[in-house]
Amino acid sequence: MNNHNIPDQLALYRGLPHRITEDIPIRAPTLEEICAYGEADYFSMVQTLCSVGIDLCWQLEQINIPFDKISDYELFCTVLRNYYGVEQTKILFGDTLDLKHMELFKDENGGMRLEQKVQADNGITKTITLCKKDYHKLAACLRSLHHLKRNDAIAGTNSCRMAFIEDAKMEYEARRREPRRSYLMPLISAMVNHEGFKRNDQTVWNMNIYAFMDSVRRIDRIRNSSLLLQSGYSGFGIDLKKIKKEELNYMGELN
C-alpha cells in the first residue's frame, strides 16, 4: 500500500476525511459500516471505481470498447461511474457527490470533465467539478486506502491481447461458479486472536478500514522484525548485516 497517495495519513487514520478537492471528501468507513453495507458489494464498488481498461478487458470488448485504447479517466467518466449514485457511494464520499448523475462535458480538444450543481446551505448554487487530475487522486487514494494496486499489465502484441481477453473471460466465469468468500473475515479473526492486537471481537468493529489494514501490516512487520532479530542475535541464525534496515525497523513506514 503506497501511503504517499494519502497526504493526510494521520487524519485518515484518526477517522477524519481526506479531501480530494474542497468539495470532494473521501473517508475511511469502519468495519461495522462495511459489514452493514455488505462486504462484497462494498469491495466490488471500490474495485470498480479504481478499475482500468485491462481489469475489464473482456467486458469492454463485449461492448466494442478497446480496453487498451481507453484512458483511466475516460473509462471512469463514460462507464464506471454510471453504476453508482449517492446512495451507494455516501459511505466513502458523503451525501453530496453523486457520480451517476454528474454531467459530462467535452471540449473541442477531446478533453472532458464531470460537473454537478448543488445547493449550499445558504441557498447559493455551486458547481462540483471532477477533472482528470482529481480522478487520479481519488483512484490512487482509494487503492491506498484498501491495499490495492493498479494493474499495469500491457498487451504488447495482438496474440497477447487476445490471451488477456480469454483469460479474463474464464476468470469471470469461474468467479460466478465459486461461493462468495469473505476477504475481511480471516483478517479480523487473525487479528483479534493475536496477542499484539488490542481489540477484541466486539471493539474491532469500531476501527476504520485504513487503521485496521495498517494494524494488519504493522503486526506482521513487528513479528517478522522480531524473528529476524532473535535469529541474528542467537549466534546460530542469519547474518543481520545482510538484512535491509527497513526489515528490522518495525516502527518504519509501511510501503
C-alpha atoms as a PDB file:
ATOM      1  CA  MET A   1       0.000   0.000   0.000  1.00  0.00           C
ATOM      2  CA  ASN A   2       1.593   3.274  -1.105  1.00  0.00           C
ATOM      3  CA  ASN A   3       0.743   5.734   1.655  1.00  0.00           C
ATOM      4  CA  HIS A   4       2.261   8.597  -0.357  1.00  0.00           C
ATOM      5  CA  ASN A   5      -1.071   8.675  -2.212  1.00  0.00           C
ATOM      6  CA  ILE A   6      -2.716   9.836   1.027  1.00  0.00           C
ATOM      7  CA  PRO A   7      -1.180  13.150   2.136  1.00  0.00           C
ATOM      8  CA  ASP A   8      -3.278  13.269   5.328  1.00  0.00           C
ATOM      9  CA  GLN A   9      -2.339   9.832   6.632  1.00  0.00           C
ATOM     10  CA  LEU A  10      -2.657  10.735  10.298  1.00  0.00           C
ATOM     11  CA  ALA A  11      -6.046  12.419   9.825  1.00  0.00           C
ATOM     12  CA  LEU A  12      -7.411   9.462   7.881  1.00  0.00           C
ATOM     13  CA  TYR A  13      -6.031   7.027  10.460  1.00  0.00           C
ATOM     14  CA  ARG A  14      -7.800   9.107  13.100  1.00  0.00           C
ATOM     15  CA  GLY A  15     -11.065   8.780  11.168  1.00  0.00           C
ATOM     16  CA  LEU A  16     -11.177  12.244   9.620  1.00  0.00           C
ATOM     17  CA  PRO A  17     -11.935  12.660   5.903  1.00  0.00           C
ATOM     18  CA  HIS A  18      -9.221  13.395   3.367  1.00  0.00           C
ATOM     19  CA  ARG A  19     -10.205  15.955   0.733  1.00  0.00           C
ATOM     20  CA  ILE A  20      -9.525  15.194  -2.927  1.00  0.00           C
ATOM     21  CA  THR A  21     -10.808  18.723  -3.653  1.00  0.00           C
ATOM     22  CA  GLU A  22     -12.539  21.282  -1.456  1.00  0.00           C
ATOM     23  CA  ASP A  23     -15.888  19.726  -2.401  1.00  0.00           C
ATOM     24  CA  ILE A  24     -14.938  16.027  -2.639  1.00  0.00           C
ATOM     25  CA  PRO A  25     -14.019  14.341   0.647  1.00  0.00           C
ATOM     26  CA  ILE A  26     -13.073  10.705   0.988  1.00  0.00           C
ATOM     27  CA  ARG A  27     -13.472   8.893   4.284  1.00  0.00           C
ATOM     28  CA  ALA A  28     -12.414   5.532   5.667  1.00  0.00           C
ATOM     29  CA  PRO A  29     -15.560   3.666   6.770  1.00  0.00           C
ATOM     30  CA  THR A  30     -15.495   1.468   9.847  1.00  0.00           C
ATOM     31  CA  LEU A  31     -15.607  -2.312   9.680  1.00  0.00           C
ATOM     32  CA  GLU A  32     -19.112  -2.063  11.153  1.00  0.00           C
ATOM     33  CA  GLU A  33     -20.218   0.225   8.314  1.00  0.00           C
ATOM     34  CA  ILE A  34     -18.708  -2.078   5.688  1.00  0.00           C
ATOM     35  CA  CYS A  35     -20.415  -5.089   7.265  1.00  0.00           C
ATOM     36  CA  ALA A  36     -23.769  -3.268   7.301  1.00  0.00           C
ATOM     37  CA  TYR A  37     -23.283  -2.102   3.699  1.00  0.00           C
ATOM     38  CA  GLY A  38     -22.417  -5.619   2.558  1.00  0.00           C
ATOM     39  CA  GLU A  39     -18.748  -6.552   2.287  1.00  0.00           C
ATOM     40  CA  ALA A  40     -18.970  -7.998  -1.224  1.00  0.00           C
ATOM     41  CA  ASP A  41     -20.914  -5.009  -2.563  1.00  0.00           C
ATOM     42  CA  TYR A  42     -18.562  -2.574  -0.871  1.00  0.00           C
ATOM     43  CA  PHE A  43     -15.349  -4.038  -2.263  1.00  0.00           C
ATOM     44  CA  SER A  44     -16.973  -4.523  -5.660  1.00  0.00           C
ATOM     45  CA  MET A  45     -17.731  -0.797  -5.717  1.00  0.00           C
ATOM     46  CA  VAL A  46     -14.226   0.176  -4.620  1.00  0.00           C
ATOM     47  CA  GLN A  47     -12.573  -2.093  -7.185  1.00  0.00           C
ATOM     48  CA  THR A  48     -14.907  -0.890  -9.944  1.00  0.00           C
ATOM     49  CA  LEU A  49     -14.199   2.787  -9.267  1.00  0.00           C
ATOM     50  CA  CYS A  50     -10.454   2.023  -9.394  1.00  0.00           C
ATOM     51  CA  SER A  51     -10.577  -0.228 -12.450  1.00  0.00           C
ATOM     52  CA  VAL A  52      -8.505   0.379 -15.565  1.00  0.00           C
ATOM     53  CA  GLY A  53      -9.054  -0.978 -19.047  1.00  0.00           C
ATOM     54  CA  ILE A  54      -7.193  -4.236 -18.640  1.00  0.00           C
ATOM     55  CA  ASP A  55      -9.169  -5.082 -15.493  1.00  0.00           C
ATOM     56  CA  LEU A  56     -12.312  -5.210 -17.635  1.00  0.00           C
ATOM     57  CA  CYS A  57     -10.794  -6.259 -20.952  1.00  0.00           C
ATOM     58  CA  TRP A  58     -13.351  -8.970 -21.711  1.00  0.00           C
ATOM     59  CA  GLN A  59     -16.375  -6.911 -20.605  1.00  0.00           C
ATOM     60  CA  LEU A  60     -15.238  -3.883 -22.616  1.00  0.00           C
ATOM     61  CA  GLU A  61     -14.690  -5.943 -25.735  1.00  0.00           C
ATOM     62  CA  GLN A  62     -18.297  -7.143 -25.419  1.00  0.00           C
ATOM     63  CA  ILE A  63     -19.490  -3.558 -25.874  1.00  0.00           C
ATOM     64  CA  ASN A  64     -16.938  -2.750 -28.590  1.00  0.00           C
ATOM     65  CA  ILE A  65     -14.613  -0.621 -26.468  1.00  0.00           C
ATOM     66  CA  PRO A  66     -10.911  -1.460 -26.984  1.00  0.00           C
ATOM     67  CA  PHE A  67      -9.619  -1.985 -23.461  1.00  0.00           C
ATOM     68  CA  ASP A  68      -6.087  -0.923 -24.396  1.00  0.00           C
ATOM     69  CA  LYS A  69      -7.143   2.343 -26.042  1.00  0.00           C
ATOM     70  CA  ILE A  70      -9.355   3.888 -23.373  1.00  0.00           C
ATOM     71  CA  SER A  71      -7.755   6.022 -20.653  1.00  0.00           C
ATOM     72  CA  ASP A  72      -8.453   5.519 -16.959  1.00  0.00           C
ATOM     73  CA  TYR A  73     -10.370   8.796 -16.732  1.00  0.00           C
ATOM     74  CA  GLU A  74     -12.381   8.193 -19.894  1.00  0.00           C
ATOM     75  CA  LEU A  75     -13.343   4.739 -18.639  1.00  0.00           C
ATOM     76  CA  PHE A  76     -14.450   6.223 -15.340  1.00  0.00           C
ATOM     77  CA  CYS A  77     -16.429   9.055 -16.951  1.00  0.00           C
ATOM     78  CA  THR A  78     -18.188   7.027 -19.633  1.00  0.00           C
ATOM     79  CA  VAL A  79     -18.703   3.644 -17.955  1.00  0.00           C
ATOM     80  CA  LEU A  80     -17.749   3.044 -14.329  1.00  0.00           C
ATOM     81  CA  ARG A  81     -19.352   5.976 -12.529  1.00  0.00           C
ATOM     82  CA  ASN A  82     -22.744   5.224 -14.081  1.00  0.00           C
ATOM     83  CA  TYR A  83     -23.230   2.287 -11.722  1.00  0.00           C
ATOM     84  CA  TYR A  84     -23.064   4.319  -8.519  1.00  0.00           C
ATOM     85  CA  GLY A  85     -25.320   7.070  -7.251  1.00  0.00           C
ATOM     86  CA  VAL A  86     -25.075   8.914  -3.958  1.00  0.00           C
ATOM     87  CA  GLU A  87     -26.827   6.143  -2.017  1.00  0.00           C
ATOM     88  CA  GLN A  88     -24.110   3.677  -2.975  1.00  0.00           C
ATOM     89  CA  THR A  89     -21.094   5.982  -2.561  1.00  0.00           C
ATOM     90  CA  LYS A  90     -22.003   8.060   0.509  1.00  0.00           C
ATOM     91  CA  ILE A  91     -20.169   5.541   2.685  1.00  0.00           C
ATOM     92  CA  LEU A  92     -16.993   6.867   1.008  1.00  0.00           C
ATOM     93  CA  PHE A  93     -17.780  10.357  -0.295  1.00  0.00           C
ATOM     94  CA  GLY A  94     -20.614  11.621   1.897  1.00  0.00           C
ATOM     95  CA  ASP A  95     -24.124  12.521   0.813  1.00  0.00           C
ATOM     96  CA  THR A  96     -23.366  15.307  -1.694  1.00  0.00           C
ATOM     97  CA  LEU A  97     -21.295  13.818  -4.506  1.00  0.00           C
ATOM     98  CA  ASP A  98     -23.481  11.941  -6.990  1.00  0.00           C
ATOM     99  CA  LEU A  99     -21.244  10.274  -9.575  1.00  0.00           C
ATOM    100  CA  LYS A 100     -24.080   8.690 -11.521  1.00  0.00           C
ATOM    101  CA  HIS A 101     -25.823  11.987 -12.182  1.00  0.00           C
ATOM    102  CA  MET A 102     -22.826  14.228 -12.797  1.00  0.00           C
ATOM    103  CA  GLU A 103     -22.915  15.903 -16.193  1.00  0.00           C
ATOM    104  CA  LEU A 104     -20.160  15.045 -18.664  1.00  0.00           C
ATOM    105  CA  PHE A 105     -18.665  17.913 -20.683  1.00  0.00           C
ATOM    106  CA  LYS A 106     -16.273  17.520 -23.601  1.00  0.00           C
ATOM    107  CA  ASP A 107     -14.256  20.253 -25.292  1.00  0.00           C
ATOM    108  CA  GLU A 108     -13.087  20.582 -28.875  1.00  0.00           C
ATOM    109  CA  ASN A 109      -9.689  19.117 -27.991  1.00  0.00           C
ATOM    110  CA  GLY A 110     -11.149  15.897 -26.652  1.00  0.00           C
ATOM    111  CA  GLY A 111     -10.787  16.864 -23.010  1.00  0.00           C
ATOM    112  CA  MET A 112     -13.567  16.030 -20.593  1.00  0.00           C
ATOM    113  CA  ARG A 113     -14.759  16.887 -17.104  1.00  0.00           C
ATOM    114  CA  LEU A 114     -17.603  15.950 -14.798  1.00  0.00           C
ATOM    115  CA  GLU A 115     -19.753  18.577 -13.115  1.00  0.00           C
ATOM    116  CA  GLN A 116     -22.547  18.546 -10.565  1.00  0.00           C
ATOM    117  CA  LYS A 117     -24.551  21.550  -9.399  1.00  0.00           C
ATOM    118  CA  VAL A 118     -25.502  21.530  -5.727  1.00  0.00           C
ATOM    119  CA  GLN A 119     -27.285  23.987  -3.496  1.00  0.00           C
ATOM    120  CA  ALA A 120     -25.391  25.090  -0.427  1.00  0.00           C
ATOM    121  CA  ASP A 121     -26.987  25.725   2.970  1.00  0.00           C
ATOM    122  CA  ASN A 122     -27.113  29.441   2.223  1.00  0.00           C
ATOM    123  CA  GLY A 123     -29.186  28.791  -0.875  1.00  0.00           C
ATOM    124  CA  ILE A 124     -26.382  29.565  -3.330  1.00  0.00           C
ATOM    125  CA  THR A 125     -25.822  27.051  -6.111  1.00  0.00           C
ATOM    126  CA  LYS A 126     -22.243  25.929  -6.669  1.00  0.00           C
ATOM    127  CA  THR A 127     -20.586  23.514  -9.072  1.00  0.00           C
ATOM    128  CA  ILE A 128     -18.610  20.444  -8.023  1.00  0.00           C
ATOM    129  CA  THR A 129     -16.029  19.530 -10.656  1.00  0.00           C
ATOM    130  CA  LEU A 130     -14.192  16.230 -11.004  1.00  0.00           C
ATOM    131  CA  CYS A 131     -11.447  16.649 -13.584  1.00  0.00           C
ATOM    132  CA  LYS A 132      -8.834  14.159 -14.763  1.00  0.00           C
ATOM    133  CA  LYS A 133      -6.256  15.198 -12.168  1.00  0.00           C
ATOM    134  CA  ASP A 134      -8.807  14.943  -9.370  1.00  0.00           C
ATOM    135  CA  TYR A 135      -9.926  11.496 -10.531  1.00  0.00           C
ATOM    136  CA  HIS A 136      -6.361  10.186 -10.470  1.00  0.00           C
ATOM    137  CA  LYS A 137      -6.021  11.481  -6.900  1.00  0.00           C
ATOM    138  CA  LEU A 138      -9.306   9.816  -5.954  1.00  0.00           C
ATOM    139  CA  ALA A 139      -8.385   6.462  -7.526  1.00  0.00           C
ATOM    140  CA  ALA A 140      -4.891   6.482  -6.003  1.00  0.00           C
ATOM    141  CA  CYS A 141      -6.337   7.276  -2.579  1.00  0.00           C
ATOM    142  CA  LEU A 142      -8.934   4.504  -2.849  1.00  0.00           C
ATOM    143  CA  ARG A 143      -6.241   1.996  -3.792  1.00  0.00           C
ATOM    144  CA  SER A 144      -4.002   3.028  -0.907  1.00  0.00           C
ATOM    145  CA  LEU A 145      -6.919   3.004   1.499  1.00  0.00           C
ATOM    146  CA  HIS A 146      -7.806  -0.600   0.635  1.00  0.00           C
ATOM    147  CA  HIS A 147      -4.344  -2.016  -0.115  1.00  0.00           C
ATOM    148  CA  LEU A 148      -4.971  -2.342  -3.846  1.00  0.00           C
ATOM    149  CA  LYS A 149      -2.526  -1.930  -6.713  1.00  0.00           C
ATOM    150  CA  ARG A 150      -3.150  -0.536 -10.169  1.00  0.00           C
ATOM    151  CA  ASN A 151      -2.996  -3.209 -12.865  1.00  0.00           C
ATOM    152  CA  ASP A 152      -0.109  -2.049 -15.070  1.00  0.00           C
ATOM    153  CA  ALA A 153      -0.081  -5.045 -17.425  1.00  0.00           C
ATOM    154  CA  ILE A 154       0.260  -4.160 -21.117  1.00  0.00           C
ATOM    155  CA  ALA A 155      -0.788  -6.208 -24.132  1.00  0.00           C
ATOM    156  CA  GLY A 156       2.265  -5.807 -26.344  1.00  0.00           C
ATOM    157  CA  THR A 157       1.062  -7.944 -29.253  1.00  0.00           C
ATOM    158  CA  ASN A 158      -2.288  -8.923 -30.697  1.00  0.00           C
ATOM    159  CA  SER A 159      -1.885 -12.514 -29.534  1.00  0.00           C
ATOM    160  CA  CYS A 160      -1.085 -11.255 -26.033  1.00  0.00           C
ATOM    161  CA  ARG A 161      -4.136  -9.011 -26.226  1.00  0.00           C
ATOM    162  CA  MET A 162      -6.413 -11.909 -27.159  1.00  0.00           C
ATOM    163  CA  ALA A 163      -4.904 -14.028 -24.373  1.00  0.00           C
ATOM    164  CA  PHE A 164      -5.745 -11.312 -21.833  1.00  0.00           C
ATOM    165  CA  ILE A 165      -9.349 -11.263 -23.021  1.00  0.00           C
ATOM    166  CA  GLU A 166      -9.712 -15.037 -22.964  1.00  0.00           C
ATOM    167  CA  ASP A 167      -8.138 -15.303 -19.508  1.00  0.00           C
ATOM    168  CA  ALA A 168     -10.431 -12.554 -18.205  1.00  0.00           C
ATOM    169  CA  LYS A 169     -13.486 -14.344 -19.582  1.00  0.00           C
ATOM    170  CA  MET A 170     -12.524 -17.636 -17.930  1.00  0.00           C
ATOM    171  CA  GLU A 171     -11.745 -15.889 -14.635  1.00  0.00           C
ATOM    172  CA  TYR A 172     -15.108 -14.112 -14.696  1.00  0.00           C
ATOM    173  CA  GLU A 173     -16.998 -17.351 -15.351  1.00  0.00           C
ATOM    174  CA  ALA A 174     -15.001 -19.172 -12.662  1.00  0.00           C
ATOM    175  CA  ARG A 175     -15.841 -16.492 -10.084  1.00  0.00           C
ATOM    176  CA  ARG A 176     -19.528 -16.814 -10.886  1.00  0.00           C
ATOM    177  CA  ARG A 177     -19.426 -20.528 -10.040  1.00  0.00           C
ATOM    178  CA  GLU A 178     -17.458 -20.124  -6.819  1.00  0.00           C
ATOM    179  CA  PRO A 179     -19.196 -19.427  -3.489  1.00  0.00           C
ATOM    180  CA  ARG A 180     -18.541 -15.978  -2.096  1.00  0.00           C
ATOM    181  CA  ARG A 181     -15.760 -15.837   0.467  1.00  0.00           C
ATOM    182  CA  SER A 182     -15.173 -13.037   2.905  1.00  0.00           C
ATOM    183  CA  TYR A 183     -11.984 -11.041   2.463  1.00  0.00           C
ATOM    184  CA  LEU A 184     -12.175  -9.381   5.882  1.00  0.00           C
ATOM    185  CA  MET A 185     -13.288 -12.353   7.986  1.00  0.00           C
ATOM    186  CA  PRO A 186      -9.913 -14.192   8.123  1.00  0.00           C
ATOM    187  CA  LEU A 187      -8.077 -10.912   8.731  1.00  0.00           C
ATOM    188  CA  ILE A 188     -10.376  -9.921  11.582  1.00  0.00           C
ATOM    189  CA  SER A 189     -10.223 -13.421  13.065  1.00  0.00           C
ATOM    190  CA  ALA A 190      -6.433 -13.463  12.915  1.00  0.00           C
ATOM    191  CA  MET A 191      -6.117 -10.028  14.459  1.00  0.00           C
ATOM    192  CA  VAL A 192      -8.497 -10.460  17.404  1.00  0.00           C
ATOM    193  CA  ASN A 193      -6.718 -13.716  18.239  1.00  0.00           C
ATOM    194  CA  HIS A 194      -3.248 -12.157  18.024  1.00  0.00           C
ATOM    195  CA  GLU A 195      -1.654 -11.245  21.342  1.00  0.00           C
ATOM    196  CA  GLY A 196      -0.313  -7.973  19.936  1.00  0.00           C
ATOM    197  CA  PHE A 197      -3.713  -6.659  18.809  1.00  0.00           C
ATOM    198  CA  LYS A 198      -5.544  -4.598  21.427  1.00  0.00           C
ATOM    199  CA  ARG A 199      -9.110  -5.014  20.119  1.00  0.00           C
ATOM    200  CA  ASN A 200     -11.491  -7.921  20.668  1.00  0.00           C
ATOM    201  CA  ASP A 201     -14.287  -9.370  18.570  1.00  0.00           C
ATOM    202  CA  GLN A 202     -16.625  -6.609  19.796  1.00  0.00           C
ATOM    203  CA  THR A 203     -14.459  -3.489  19.725  1.00  0.00           C
ATOM    204  CA  VAL A 204     -12.710  -4.258  16.422  1.00  0.00           C
ATOM    205  CA  TRP A 205     -15.799  -3.153  14.507  1.00  0.00           C
ATOM    206  CA  ASN A 206     -15.233   0.469  15.516  1.00  0.00           C
ATOM    207  CA  MET A 207     -11.919   0.586  13.628  1.00  0.00           C
ATOM    208  CA  ASN A 208     -11.910   2.265  10.240  1.00  0.00           C
ATOM    209  CA  ILE A 209     -10.636   0.226   7.307  1.00  0.00           C
ATOM    210  CA  TYR A 210      -7.464   2.303   6.938  1.00  0.00           C
ATOM    211  CA  ALA A 211      -6.444   1.893  10.589  1.00  0.00           C
ATOM    212  CA  PHE A 212      -7.382  -1.789  10.565  1.00  0.00           C
ATOM    213  CA  MET A 213      -5.360  -2.605   7.451  1.00  0.00           C
ATOM    214  CA  ASP A 214      -2.448  -0.642   8.912  1.00  0.00           C
ATOM    215  CA  SER A 215      -2.656  -2.817  12.050  1.00  0.00           C
ATOM    216  CA  VAL A 216      -2.673  -5.996   9.947  1.00  0.00           C
ATOM    217  CA  ARG A 217       0.502  -4.983   8.181  1.00  0.00           C
ATOM    218  CA  ARG A 218       2.160  -3.409  11.240  1.00  0.00           C
ATOM    219  CA  ILE A 219       1.773  -6.505  13.393  1.00  0.00           C
ATOM    220  CA  ASP A 220       3.154  -8.598  10.547  1.00  0.00           C
ATOM    221  CA  ARG A 221       6.151  -6.232  10.326  1.00  0.00           C
ATOM    222  CA  ILE A 222       6.701  -6.401  14.106  1.00  0.00           C
ATOM    223  CA  ARG A 223       6.553 -10.202  14.066  1.00  0.00           C
ATOM    224  CA  ASN A 224       8.982 -10.510  11.143  1.00  0.00           C
ATOM    225  CA  SER A 225      11.401  -7.982  12.639  1.00  0.00           C
ATOM    226  CA  SER A 226      11.379  -9.792  15.983  1.00  0.00           C
ATOM    227  CA  LEU A 227      12.050 -13.149  14.336  1.00  0.00           C
ATOM    228  CA  LEU A 228      14.938 -11.716  12.320  1.00  0.00           C
ATOM    229  CA  LEU A 229      16.499 -10.086  15.399  1.00  0.00           C
ATOM    230  CA  GLN A 230      16.103 -13.207  17.511  1.00  0.00           C
ATOM    231  CA  SER A 231      17.699 -15.310  14.796  1.00  0.00           C
ATOM    232  CA  GLY A 232      20.531 -12.819  14.279  1.00  0.00           C
ATOM    233  CA  TYR A 233      21.404 -12.423  17.939  1.00  0.00           C
ATOM    234  CA  SER A 234      21.184 -16.124  18.686  1.00  0.00           C
ATOM    235  CA  GLY A 235      24.567 -16.680  17.097  1.00  0.00           C
ATOM    236  CA  PHE A 236      23.264 -19.558  15.010  1.00  0.00           C
ATOM    237  CA  GLY A 237      20.879 -17.788  12.678  1.00  0.00           C
ATOM    238  CA  ILE A 238      21.017 -15.213   9.918  1.00  0.00           C
ATOM    239  CA  ASP A 239      23.646 -12.542   9.417  1.00  0.00           C
ATOM    240  CA  LEU A 240      21.889  -9.257  10.282  1.00  0.00           C
ATOM    241  CA  LYS A 241      24.387  -7.316   8.157  1.00  0.00           C
ATOM    242  CA  LYS A 242      22.795  -8.898   5.088  1.00  0.00           C
ATOM    243  CA  ILE A 243      19.279  -7.827   6.068  1.00  0.00           C
ATOM    244  CA  LYS A 244      17.845  -4.492   4.909  1.00  0.00           C
ATOM    245  CA  LYS A 245      17.474  -1.987   7.729  1.00  0.00           C
ATOM    246  CA  GLU A 246      13.803  -1.438   6.836  1.00  0.00           C
ATOM    247  CA  GLU A 247      13.050  -5.081   7.593  1.00  0.00           C
ATOM    248  CA  LEU A 248      14.446  -4.711  11.109  1.00  0.00           C
ATOM    249  CA  ASN A 249      12.790  -1.369  11.881  1.00  0.00           C
ATOM    250  CA  TYR A 250       9.241  -2.292  12.878  1.00  0.00           C
ATOM    251  CA  MET A 251       8.436   1.390  13.520  1.00  0.00           C
ATOM    252  CA  GLY A 252       9.314   2.393   9.960  1.00  0.00           C
ATOM    253  CA  GLU A 253       6.915   3.435   7.227  1.00  0.00           C
ATOM    254  CA  LEU A 254       4.875   0.652   5.645  1.00  0.00           C
ATOM    255  CA  ASN A 255       5.354   0.656   1.875  1.00  0.00           C
END
